[in-house]
């Protein structure tokens, strides 16, 4: 007689760990891609990004405040990428969603995710 045992709790724990690690890799990858996207220089302020383009770097505050987080909530693994609260928080959302002075967006987060969606799916697979 052969006895088979299923260790469901152990399996579920290992699976959750694997999923959390994978999501962490994904959001860290996206963080790096966003930082590359917004690293075009504009130190003097005389060459701002055009409406619809990602913002250019003047002080580096936005770029240095981009961060990630991964959490498990009600059985779902959720990855976040955005700007942590602080110096860049006041204008980061305006750039992404509404525009600052001229009312035109300068998105940088969503375009990065959309551009890399195939790679993200491959990383999940």
C-alpha atoms as a PDB file:
ATOM      1  CA  UNK A   1       0.000   0.000   0.000  1.00  0.00           C
ATOM      2  CA  UNK A   2       1.233   3.484  -0.903  1.00  0.00           C
ATOM      3  CA  UNK A   3       0.256   6.456   1.196  1.00  0.00           C
ATOM      4  CA  UNK A   4       0.132   9.906  -0.328  1.00  0.00           C
ATOM      5  CA  UNK A   5      -0.028  13.048   1.783  1.00  0.00           C
ATOM      6  CA  UNK A   6      -0.895  16.496   0.621  1.00  0.00           C
ATOM      7  CA  UNK A   7       0.645  19.225   2.762  1.00  0.00           C
ATOM      8  CA  UNK A   8      -1.743  21.979   1.737  1.00  0.00           C
ATOM      9  CA  UNK A   9      -0.616  24.552   4.300  1.00  0.00           C
ATOM     10  CA  UNK A  10       3.036  24.123   3.408  1.00  0.00           C
ATOM     11  CA  UNK A  11       2.272  24.220  -0.323  1.00  0.00           C
ATOM     12  CA  UNK A  12       0.119  27.333   0.042  1.00  0.00           C
ATOM     13  CA  UNK A  13       2.800  29.061   2.105  1.00  0.00           C
ATOM     14  CA  UNK A  14       5.508  28.292  -0.451  1.00  0.00           C
ATOM     15  CA  UNK A  15       3.255  29.365  -3.303  1.00  0.00           C
ATOM     16  CA  UNK A  16       2.447  32.675  -1.585  1.00  0.00           C
ATOM     17  CA  UNK A  17       6.155  33.275  -0.976  1.00  0.00           C
ATOM     18  CA  UNK A  18       6.885  32.613  -4.645  1.00  0.00           C
ATOM     19  CA  UNK A  19       4.096  34.951  -5.793  1.00  0.00           C
ATOM     20  CA  UNK A  20       5.241  37.729  -3.426  1.00  0.00           C
ATOM     21  CA  UNK A  21       8.834  37.394  -4.688  1.00  0.00           C
ATOM     22  CA  UNK A  22       7.693  37.485  -8.302  1.00  0.00           C
ATOM     23  CA  UNK A  23       5.560  40.573  -7.719  1.00  0.00           C
ATOM     24  CA  UNK A  24       8.500  42.223  -5.959  1.00  0.00           C
ATOM     25  CA  UNK A  25      10.701  41.544  -8.994  1.00  0.00           C
ATOM     26  CA  UNK A  26       8.039  43.002 -11.280  1.00  0.00           C
ATOM     27  CA  UNK A  27       7.575  46.262  -9.379  1.00  0.00           C
ATOM     28  CA  UNK A  28      11.344  46.695  -8.950  1.00  0.00           C
ATOM     29  CA  UNK A  29      11.768  46.180 -12.693  1.00  0.00           C
ATOM     30  CA  UNK A  30       9.052  48.780 -13.348  1.00  0.00           C
ATOM     31  CA  UNK A  31      10.659  51.206 -10.895  1.00  0.00           C
ATOM     32  CA  UNK A  32      13.936  50.987 -12.810  1.00  0.00           C
ATOM     33  CA  UNK A  33      12.129  51.487 -16.133  1.00  0.00           C
ATOM     34  CA  UNK A  34      10.251  54.552 -14.835  1.00  0.00           C
ATOM     35  CA  UNK A  35      13.489  56.080 -13.568  1.00  0.00           C
ATOM     36  CA  UNK A  36      15.108  55.585 -16.974  1.00  0.00           C
ATOM     37  CA  UNK A  37      12.078  57.165 -18.662  1.00  0.00           C
ATOM     38  CA  UNK A  38      12.219  60.324 -16.546  1.00  0.00           C
ATOM     39  CA  UNK A  39      16.009  60.710 -16.565  1.00  0.00           C
ATOM     40  CA  UNK A  40      16.225  63.021 -19.550  1.00  0.00           C
ATOM     41  CA  UNK A  41      17.954  66.166 -18.319  1.00  0.00           C
ATOM     42  CA  UNK A  42      16.576  69.675 -18.027  1.00  0.00           C
ATOM     43  CA  UNK A  43      18.718  71.139 -15.267  1.00  0.00           C
ATOM     44  CA  UNK A  44      18.310  74.760 -16.390  1.00  0.00           C
ATOM     45  CA  UNK A  45      14.571  74.431 -16.896  1.00  0.00           C
ATOM     46  CA  UNK A  46      14.854  75.863 -20.396  1.00  0.00           C
ATOM     47  CA  UNK A  47      13.935  72.603 -22.163  1.00  0.00           C
ATOM     48  CA  UNK A  48      10.844  71.164 -20.446  1.00  0.00           C
ATOM     49  CA  UNK A  49       9.099  68.063 -21.678  1.00  0.00           C
ATOM     50  CA  UNK A  50       6.346  68.526 -24.215  1.00  0.00           C
ATOM     51  CA  UNK A  51       2.717  67.868 -23.248  1.00  0.00           C
ATOM     52  CA  UNK A  52       2.100  64.115 -23.227  1.00  0.00           C
ATOM     53  CA  UNK A  53       5.794  63.278 -22.788  1.00  0.00           C
ATOM     54  CA  UNK A  54       7.191  62.051 -19.487  1.00  0.00           C
ATOM     55  CA  UNK A  55       8.692  64.800 -17.330  1.00  0.00           C
ATOM     56  CA  UNK A  56      12.366  65.671 -17.605  1.00  0.00           C
ATOM     57  CA  UNK A  57      14.733  65.873 -14.645  1.00  0.00           C
ATOM     58  CA  UNK A  58      15.428  69.243 -13.056  1.00  0.00           C
ATOM     59  CA  UNK A  59      16.232  68.464  -9.444  1.00  0.00           C
ATOM     60  CA  UNK A  60      15.843  64.682  -9.343  1.00  0.00           C
ATOM     61  CA  UNK A  61      13.304  64.847  -6.510  1.00  0.00           C
ATOM     62  CA  UNK A  62      10.568  63.033  -8.432  1.00  0.00           C
ATOM     63  CA  UNK A  63      12.934  60.293  -9.591  1.00  0.00           C
ATOM     64  CA  UNK A  64      14.436  59.749  -6.147  1.00  0.00           C
ATOM     65  CA  UNK A  65      10.997  59.448  -4.535  1.00  0.00           C
ATOM     66  CA  UNK A  66       9.637  56.720  -6.795  1.00  0.00           C
ATOM     67  CA  UNK A  67       9.189  53.578  -4.748  1.00  0.00           C
ATOM     68  CA  UNK A  68       7.462  50.220  -4.694  1.00  0.00           C
ATOM     69  CA  UNK A  69       5.534  48.095  -2.261  1.00  0.00           C
ATOM     70  CA  UNK A  70       4.061  44.598  -2.361  1.00  0.00           C
ATOM     71  CA  UNK A  71       1.406  43.343   0.003  1.00  0.00           C
ATOM     72  CA  UNK A  72      -1.023  40.505   0.374  1.00  0.00           C
ATOM     73  CA  UNK A  73      -4.583  41.557   1.083  1.00  0.00           C
ATOM     74  CA  UNK A  74      -7.520  39.159   1.303  1.00  0.00           C
ATOM     75  CA  UNK A  75      -5.690  36.515  -0.704  1.00  0.00           C
ATOM     76  CA  UNK A  76      -4.550  38.908  -3.420  1.00  0.00           C
ATOM     77  CA  UNK A  77      -0.954  39.930  -4.020  1.00  0.00           C
ATOM     78  CA  UNK A  78      -0.868  43.601  -4.913  1.00  0.00           C
ATOM     79  CA  UNK A  79       2.121  45.475  -6.271  1.00  0.00           C
ATOM     80  CA  UNK A  80       2.328  49.245  -6.032  1.00  0.00           C
ATOM     81  CA  UNK A  81       4.636  51.642  -7.813  1.00  0.00           C
ATOM     82  CA  UNK A  82       4.444  55.365  -7.316  1.00  0.00           C
ATOM     83  CA  UNK A  83       5.780  58.304  -5.396  1.00  0.00           C
ATOM     84  CA  UNK A  84       6.116  58.024  -1.650  1.00  0.00           C
ATOM     85  CA  UNK A  85       4.759  60.815   0.459  1.00  0.00           C
ATOM     86  CA  UNK A  86       7.131  63.704   0.721  1.00  0.00           C
ATOM     87  CA  UNK A  87       8.724  66.365  -1.422  1.00  0.00           C
ATOM     88  CA  UNK A  88       7.564  65.058  -4.813  1.00  0.00           C
ATOM     89  CA  UNK A  89       4.122  63.944  -3.666  1.00  0.00           C
ATOM     90  CA  UNK A  90       2.569  67.363  -4.261  1.00  0.00           C
ATOM     91  CA  UNK A  91       3.222  67.404  -7.998  1.00  0.00           C
ATOM     92  CA  UNK A  92       3.785  63.753  -8.966  1.00  0.00           C
ATOM     93  CA  UNK A  93       0.090  62.937  -9.266  1.00  0.00           C
ATOM     94  CA  UNK A  94      -0.551  66.169 -11.155  1.00  0.00           C
ATOM     95  CA  UNK A  95       2.067  65.216 -13.741  1.00  0.00           C
ATOM     96  CA  UNK A  96       0.561  61.767 -14.212  1.00  0.00           C
ATOM     97  CA  UNK A  97      -3.123  62.684 -14.099  1.00  0.00           C
ATOM     98  CA  UNK A  98      -3.816  66.351 -14.837  1.00  0.00           C
ATOM     99  CA  UNK A  99      -0.840  68.432 -15.834  1.00  0.00           C
ATOM    100  CA  UNK A 100       0.630  71.240 -13.771  1.00  0.00           C
ATOM    101  CA  UNK A 101       0.631  74.610 -15.498  1.00  0.00           C
ATOM    102  CA  UNK A 102      -0.853  74.065 -18.915  1.00  0.00           C
ATOM    103  CA  UNK A 103      -3.352  71.356 -17.959  1.00  0.00           C
ATOM    104  CA  UNK A 104      -1.674  68.689 -20.079  1.00  0.00           C
ATOM    105  CA  UNK A 105      -0.457  65.435 -18.645  1.00  0.00           C
ATOM    106  CA  UNK A 106       3.121  64.278 -18.536  1.00  0.00           C
ATOM    107  CA  UNK A 107       2.521  60.626 -17.670  1.00  0.00           C
ATOM    108  CA  UNK A 108       5.357  58.363 -16.650  1.00  0.00           C
ATOM    109  CA  UNK A 109       3.885  55.494 -14.589  1.00  0.00           C
ATOM    110  CA  UNK A 110       1.073  54.163 -16.783  1.00  0.00           C
ATOM    111  CA  UNK A 111       3.077  54.339 -20.014  1.00  0.00           C
ATOM    112  CA  UNK A 112       5.840  52.312 -18.382  1.00  0.00           C
ATOM    113  CA  UNK A 113       3.421  49.601 -17.278  1.00  0.00           C
ATOM    114  CA  UNK A 114       1.699  49.508 -20.673  1.00  0.00           C
ATOM    115  CA  UNK A 115       4.985  49.402 -22.588  1.00  0.00           C
ATOM    116  CA  UNK A 116       6.188  46.472 -20.477  1.00  0.00           C
ATOM    117  CA  UNK A 117       2.928  44.501 -20.145  1.00  0.00           C
ATOM    118  CA  UNK A 118       4.191  41.539 -22.201  1.00  0.00           C
ATOM    119  CA  UNK A 119       7.320  41.301 -20.083  1.00  0.00           C
ATOM    120  CA  UNK A 120       5.227  41.564 -16.909  1.00  0.00           C
ATOM    121  CA  UNK A 121       2.991  38.714 -18.091  1.00  0.00           C
ATOM    122  CA  UNK A 122       6.053  36.638 -18.913  1.00  0.00           C
ATOM    123  CA  UNK A 123       7.468  37.290 -15.455  1.00  0.00           C
ATOM    124  CA  UNK A 124       4.163  36.190 -13.907  1.00  0.00           C
ATOM    125  CA  UNK A 125       4.009  33.068 -16.089  1.00  0.00           C
END
